[in-house]
Amino acid sequence: MVRHLVMWKIKASHERSKEENMKEMKARLMALQGQIEELKVIAVGLNDNVSDMAYDIVLETSFDSKEDLDAYQVHPKHQAVGGFIKTIAMARVVVDYEV
């Protein structure tokens, strides 16, 4: 099993507040559940920590293999969500690991 964790710092946009962007991002990510065969588990959390060092949103996903993660990365539905995220993210960190 491969875990893929991503955290982002989110900004406000001309259309939405930071909080609205976070909620929209979570909804779009969670909508991937059941849409991409290789994606086995998905969870999205919004941060409650007020520290300046904290990230705003976390994505936790699981895949059966590295190849499945690779397939997810290039899937058109994942790419579409990624396009939205790029417009609202200020920073991103990622960790992939086997369990």
N, C-alpha and C. Protein backbone atom coordinates (compact mmCIF):
# COMPACT_ATOMS: atom_id res chain seq x y z
N MET A 1 0.85 -1.18 0.00
CA MET A 1 0.00 0.00 0.00
C MET A 1 0.89 1.24 0.00
N VAL A 2 0.49 2.24 -0.77
CA VAL A 2 1.21 3.51 -0.86
C VAL A 2 0.31 4.62 -0.36
N ARG A 3 0.85 5.44 0.52
CA ARG A 3 0.13 6.62 1.02
C ARG A 3 0.69 7.86 0.34
N HIS A 4 -0.21 8.76 0.01
CA HIS A 4 0.13 10.03 -0.64
C HIS A 4 -0.51 11.13 0.20
N LEU A 5 0.32 11.93 0.87
CA LEU A 5 -0.15 13.02 1.72
C LEU A 5 0.30 14.34 1.13
N VAL A 6 -0.63 15.29 1.06
CA VAL A 6 -0.32 16.61 0.53
C VAL A 6 -0.93 17.66 1.45
N MET A 7 -0.18 18.71 1.74
CA MET A 7 -0.70 19.84 2.52
C MET A 7 -0.47 21.12 1.72
N TRP A 8 -1.44 22.01 1.84
CA TRP A 8 -1.37 23.29 1.12
C TRP A 8 -1.65 24.46 2.07
N LYS A 9 -1.05 25.60 1.74
CA LYS A 9 -1.46 26.89 2.30
C LYS A 9 -2.30 27.55 1.22
N ILE A 10 -3.47 28.03 1.61
CA ILE A 10 -4.45 28.54 0.66
C ILE A 10 -4.60 30.05 0.84
N LYS A 11 -4.91 30.72 -0.27
CA LYS A 11 -5.12 32.17 -0.25
C LYS A 11 -6.55 32.50 -0.69
N ALA A 12 -6.95 33.70 -0.39
CA ALA A 12 -8.22 34.21 -0.92
C ALA A 12 -8.03 34.49 -2.40
N SER A 13 -9.11 34.47 -3.15
CA SER A 13 -9.07 34.85 -4.56
C SER A 13 -10.05 35.99 -4.77
N HIS A 14 -10.07 36.54 -5.96
CA HIS A 14 -11.00 37.64 -6.21
C HIS A 14 -12.45 37.18 -6.15
N GLU A 15 -12.68 35.88 -6.24
CA GLU A 15 -14.04 35.34 -6.22
C GLU A 15 -14.46 34.84 -4.84
N ARG A 16 -13.50 34.37 -4.03
CA ARG A 16 -13.85 33.71 -2.77
C ARG A 16 -12.86 34.09 -1.66
N SER A 17 -13.34 33.98 -0.43
CA SER A 17 -12.46 34.13 0.73
C SER A 17 -11.58 32.88 0.85
N LYS A 18 -10.57 32.96 1.67
CA LYS A 18 -9.71 31.81 1.92
C LYS A 18 -10.53 30.63 2.40
N GLU A 19 -11.43 30.85 3.34
CA GLU A 19 -12.26 29.78 3.89
C GLU A 19 -13.17 29.17 2.83
N GLU A 20 -13.73 30.00 1.98
CA GLU A 20 -14.58 29.50 0.89
C GLU A 20 -13.75 28.67 -0.10
N ASN A 21 -12.53 29.12 -0.39
CA ASN A 21 -11.66 28.35 -1.27
C ASN A 21 -11.31 27.00 -0.66
N MET A 22 -11.06 26.98 0.64
CA MET A 22 -10.76 25.72 1.31
C MET A 22 -11.94 24.75 1.22
N LYS A 23 -13.13 25.24 1.46
CA LYS A 23 -14.32 24.38 1.39
C LYS A 23 -14.56 23.88 -0.03
N GLU A 24 -14.35 24.75 -1.01
CA GLU A 24 -14.51 24.35 -2.42
C GLU A 24 -13.47 23.31 -2.81
N MET A 25 -12.24 23.52 -2.36
CA MET A 25 -11.17 22.56 -2.65
C MET A 25 -11.49 21.21 -2.04
N LYS A 26 -11.93 21.20 -0.79
CA LYS A 26 -12.29 19.94 -0.14
C LYS A 26 -13.40 19.24 -0.92
N ALA A 27 -14.41 19.96 -1.32
CA ALA A 27 -15.52 19.36 -2.06
C ALA A 27 -15.03 18.76 -3.38
N ARG A 28 -14.17 19.47 -4.08
CA ARG A 28 -13.67 18.96 -5.36
C ARG A 28 -12.79 17.73 -5.17
N LEU A 29 -11.95 17.74 -4.14
CA LEU A 29 -11.12 16.57 -3.88
C LEU A 29 -11.97 15.37 -3.48
N MET A 30 -12.92 15.57 -2.59
CA MET A 30 -13.76 14.46 -2.14
C MET A 30 -14.62 13.91 -3.28
N ALA A 31 -14.93 14.73 -4.26
CA ALA A 31 -15.71 14.27 -5.42
C ALA A 31 -14.94 13.26 -6.26
N LEU A 32 -13.63 13.15 -6.06
CA LEU A 32 -12.83 12.15 -6.78
C LEU A 32 -13.11 10.74 -6.28
N GLN A 33 -13.64 10.63 -5.07
CA GLN A 33 -13.93 9.31 -4.50
C GLN A 33 -14.91 8.56 -5.40
N GLY A 34 -14.52 7.35 -5.79
CA GLY A 34 -15.36 6.54 -6.67
C GLY A 34 -15.24 6.89 -8.14
N GLN A 35 -14.48 7.94 -8.48
CA GLN A 35 -14.32 8.37 -9.86
C GLN A 35 -13.02 7.88 -10.50
N ILE A 36 -12.05 7.54 -9.66
CA ILE A 36 -10.75 7.07 -10.14
C ILE A 36 -10.51 5.70 -9.52
N GLU A 37 -10.47 4.68 -10.35
CA GLU A 37 -10.41 3.29 -9.88
C GLU A 37 -9.23 3.04 -8.95
N GLU A 38 -8.08 3.61 -9.25
CA GLU A 38 -6.87 3.35 -8.47
C GLU A 38 -6.90 3.97 -7.07
N LEU A 39 -7.73 4.96 -6.87
CA LEU A 39 -7.82 5.67 -5.59
C LEU A 39 -8.64 4.85 -4.61
N LYS A 40 -7.98 4.27 -3.61
CA LYS A 40 -8.65 3.38 -2.66
C LYS A 40 -9.25 4.11 -1.47
N VAL A 41 -8.53 5.09 -0.94
CA VAL A 41 -8.98 5.83 0.24
C VAL A 41 -8.65 7.30 0.03
N ILE A 42 -9.60 8.17 0.39
CA ILE A 42 -9.34 9.61 0.34
C ILE A 42 -9.97 10.27 1.56
N ALA A 43 -9.22 11.17 2.16
CA ALA A 43 -9.72 11.99 3.27
C ALA A 43 -9.12 13.38 3.10
N VAL A 44 -9.91 14.38 3.42
CA VAL A 44 -9.46 15.77 3.32
C VAL A 44 -9.81 16.46 4.63
N GLY A 45 -8.83 17.13 5.23
CA GLY A 45 -9.06 17.83 6.49
C GLY A 45 -8.72 19.30 6.38
N LEU A 46 -9.54 20.12 7.04
CA LEU A 46 -9.29 21.56 7.12
C LEU A 46 -8.66 21.85 8.47
N ASN A 47 -7.58 22.59 8.49
CA ASN A 47 -6.81 22.85 9.69
C ASN A 47 -7.55 23.72 10.71
N ASP A 48 -7.39 23.36 11.98
CA ASP A 48 -7.92 24.16 13.09
C ASP A 48 -6.82 24.91 13.84
N ASN A 49 -5.56 24.63 13.53
CA ASN A 49 -4.42 25.21 14.22
C ASN A 49 -4.19 26.63 13.69
N VAL A 50 -4.04 27.60 14.58
CA VAL A 50 -3.88 29.00 14.17
C VAL A 50 -2.42 29.44 14.01
N SER A 51 -1.48 28.54 14.19
CA SER A 51 -0.07 28.87 14.06
C SER A 51 0.26 29.32 12.64
N ASP A 52 1.17 30.29 12.50
CA ASP A 52 1.63 30.73 11.19
C ASP A 52 2.35 29.61 10.43
N MET A 53 2.87 28.64 11.16
CA MET A 53 3.58 27.53 10.54
C MET A 53 2.64 26.45 10.01
N ALA A 54 1.38 26.50 10.41
CA ALA A 54 0.42 25.46 10.03
C ALA A 54 0.00 25.60 8.57
N TYR A 55 -0.28 24.47 7.96
CA TYR A 55 -0.87 24.46 6.62
C TYR A 55 -2.39 24.44 6.78
N ASP A 56 -3.10 24.81 5.72
CA ASP A 56 -4.55 25.01 5.81
C ASP A 56 -5.38 23.77 5.52
N ILE A 57 -4.90 22.90 4.66
CA ILE A 57 -5.69 21.76 4.23
C ILE A 57 -4.76 20.58 3.97
N VAL A 58 -5.23 19.38 4.29
CA VAL A 58 -4.44 18.18 4.08
C VAL A 58 -5.26 17.16 3.29
N LEU A 59 -4.59 16.49 2.38
CA LEU A 59 -5.17 15.40 1.60
C LEU A 59 -4.44 14.12 1.98
N GLU A 60 -5.19 13.09 2.34
CA GLU A 60 -4.63 11.78 2.63
C GLU A 60 -5.26 10.78 1.66
N THR A 61 -4.42 10.10 0.88
CA THR A 61 -4.92 9.11 -0.07
C THR A 61 -4.11 7.83 0.05
N SER A 62 -4.72 6.71 -0.36
CA SER A 62 -4.06 5.41 -0.35
C SER A 62 -4.27 4.71 -1.68
N PHE A 63 -3.24 3.99 -2.10
CA PHE A 63 -3.23 3.25 -3.36
C PHE A 63 -2.61 1.88 -3.12
N ASP A 64 -2.96 0.93 -3.96
CA ASP A 64 -2.39 -0.41 -3.83
C ASP A 64 -0.93 -0.47 -4.22
N SER A 65 -0.48 0.43 -5.10
CA SER A 65 0.90 0.38 -5.59
C SER A 65 1.34 1.77 -6.07
N LYS A 66 2.64 1.90 -6.28
CA LYS A 66 3.21 3.13 -6.84
C LYS A 66 2.65 3.37 -8.24
N GLU A 67 2.43 2.30 -8.99
CA GLU A 67 1.87 2.43 -10.34
C GLU A 67 0.46 3.00 -10.29
N ASP A 68 -0.31 2.59 -9.28
CA ASP A 68 -1.66 3.14 -9.13
C ASP A 68 -1.61 4.63 -8.78
N LEU A 69 -0.67 5.02 -7.93
CA LEU A 69 -0.49 6.44 -7.62
C LEU A 69 -0.12 7.21 -8.88
N ASP A 70 0.78 6.65 -9.68
CA ASP A 70 1.18 7.30 -10.93
C ASP A 70 -0.02 7.48 -11.86
N ALA A 71 -0.88 6.47 -11.94
CA ALA A 71 -2.07 6.55 -12.80
C ALA A 71 -3.03 7.63 -12.29
N TYR A 72 -3.17 7.73 -10.98
CA TYR A 72 -4.01 8.77 -10.36
C TYR A 72 -3.49 10.16 -10.71
N GLN A 73 -2.17 10.32 -10.65
CA GLN A 73 -1.56 11.64 -10.89
C GLN A 73 -1.90 12.19 -12.27
N VAL A 74 -2.01 11.32 -13.27
CA VAL A 74 -2.25 11.79 -14.64
C VAL A 74 -3.71 11.65 -15.06
N HIS A 75 -4.56 11.16 -14.17
CA HIS A 75 -5.98 10.99 -14.51
C HIS A 75 -6.60 12.36 -14.78
N PRO A 76 -7.41 12.49 -15.83
CA PRO A 76 -8.00 13.79 -16.18
C PRO A 76 -8.83 14.42 -15.06
N LYS A 77 -9.52 13.64 -14.26
CA LYS A 77 -10.32 14.22 -13.17
C LYS A 77 -9.41 14.78 -12.08
N HIS A 78 -8.31 14.09 -11.79
CA HIS A 78 -7.34 14.61 -10.83
C HIS A 78 -6.69 15.87 -11.38
N GLN A 79 -6.34 15.86 -12.65
CA GLN A 79 -5.72 17.02 -13.28
C GLN A 79 -6.64 18.24 -13.23
N ALA A 80 -7.93 18.03 -13.41
CA ALA A 80 -8.89 19.15 -13.37
C ALA A 80 -8.93 19.78 -11.98
N VAL A 81 -8.96 18.94 -10.95
CA VAL A 81 -8.95 19.47 -9.58
C VAL A 81 -7.63 20.19 -9.31
N GLY A 82 -6.54 19.60 -9.78
CA GLY A 82 -5.23 20.22 -9.62
C GLY A 82 -5.15 21.60 -10.26
N GLY A 83 -5.81 21.77 -11.39
CA GLY A 83 -5.84 23.08 -12.04
C GLY A 83 -6.49 24.13 -11.17
N PHE A 84 -7.59 23.77 -10.50
CA PHE A 84 -8.24 24.70 -9.58
C PHE A 84 -7.32 25.00 -8.40
N ILE A 85 -6.72 23.96 -7.84
CA ILE A 85 -5.86 24.14 -6.66
C ILE A 85 -4.71 25.09 -6.97
N LYS A 86 -4.13 24.99 -8.13
CA LYS A 86 -3.01 25.88 -8.50
C LYS A 86 -3.40 27.35 -8.46
N THR A 87 -4.67 27.66 -8.64
CA THR A 87 -5.10 29.06 -8.63
C THR A 87 -5.28 29.62 -7.22
N ILE A 88 -5.35 28.74 -6.21
CA ILE A 88 -5.60 29.21 -4.84
C ILE A 88 -4.51 28.84 -3.85
N ALA A 89 -3.54 28.03 -4.26
CA ALA A 89 -2.49 27.57 -3.33
C ALA A 89 -1.30 28.52 -3.33
N MET A 90 -0.79 28.78 -2.12
CA MET A 90 0.43 29.58 -1.97
C MET A 90 1.65 28.69 -1.76
N ALA A 91 1.44 27.53 -1.15
CA ALA A 91 2.54 26.61 -0.85
C ALA A 91 1.97 25.20 -0.79
N ARG A 92 2.86 24.22 -1.07
CA ARG A 92 2.45 22.82 -1.09
C ARG A 92 3.62 21.97 -0.62
N VAL A 93 3.32 20.97 0.19
CA VAL A 93 4.30 19.95 0.56
C VAL A 93 3.66 18.59 0.36
N VAL A 94 4.48 17.60 0.03
CA VAL A 94 3.95 16.28 -0.27
C VAL A 94 4.88 15.20 0.28
N VAL A 95 4.29 14.09 0.70
CA VAL A 95 5.04 12.91 1.13
C VAL A 95 4.34 11.69 0.55
N ASP A 96 5.10 10.81 -0.09
CA ASP A 96 4.61 9.51 -0.55
C ASP A 96 5.43 8.45 0.17
N TYR A 97 4.76 7.42 0.71
CA TYR A 97 5.50 6.37 1.40
C TYR A 97 4.73 5.06 1.36
N GLU A 98 5.47 3.96 1.51
CA GLU A 98 4.86 2.64 1.52
C GLU A 98 4.58 2.21 2.95
N VAL A 99 3.46 1.51 3.12
CA VAL A 99 3.11 0.96 4.44
C VAL A 99 2.95 -0.53 4.34
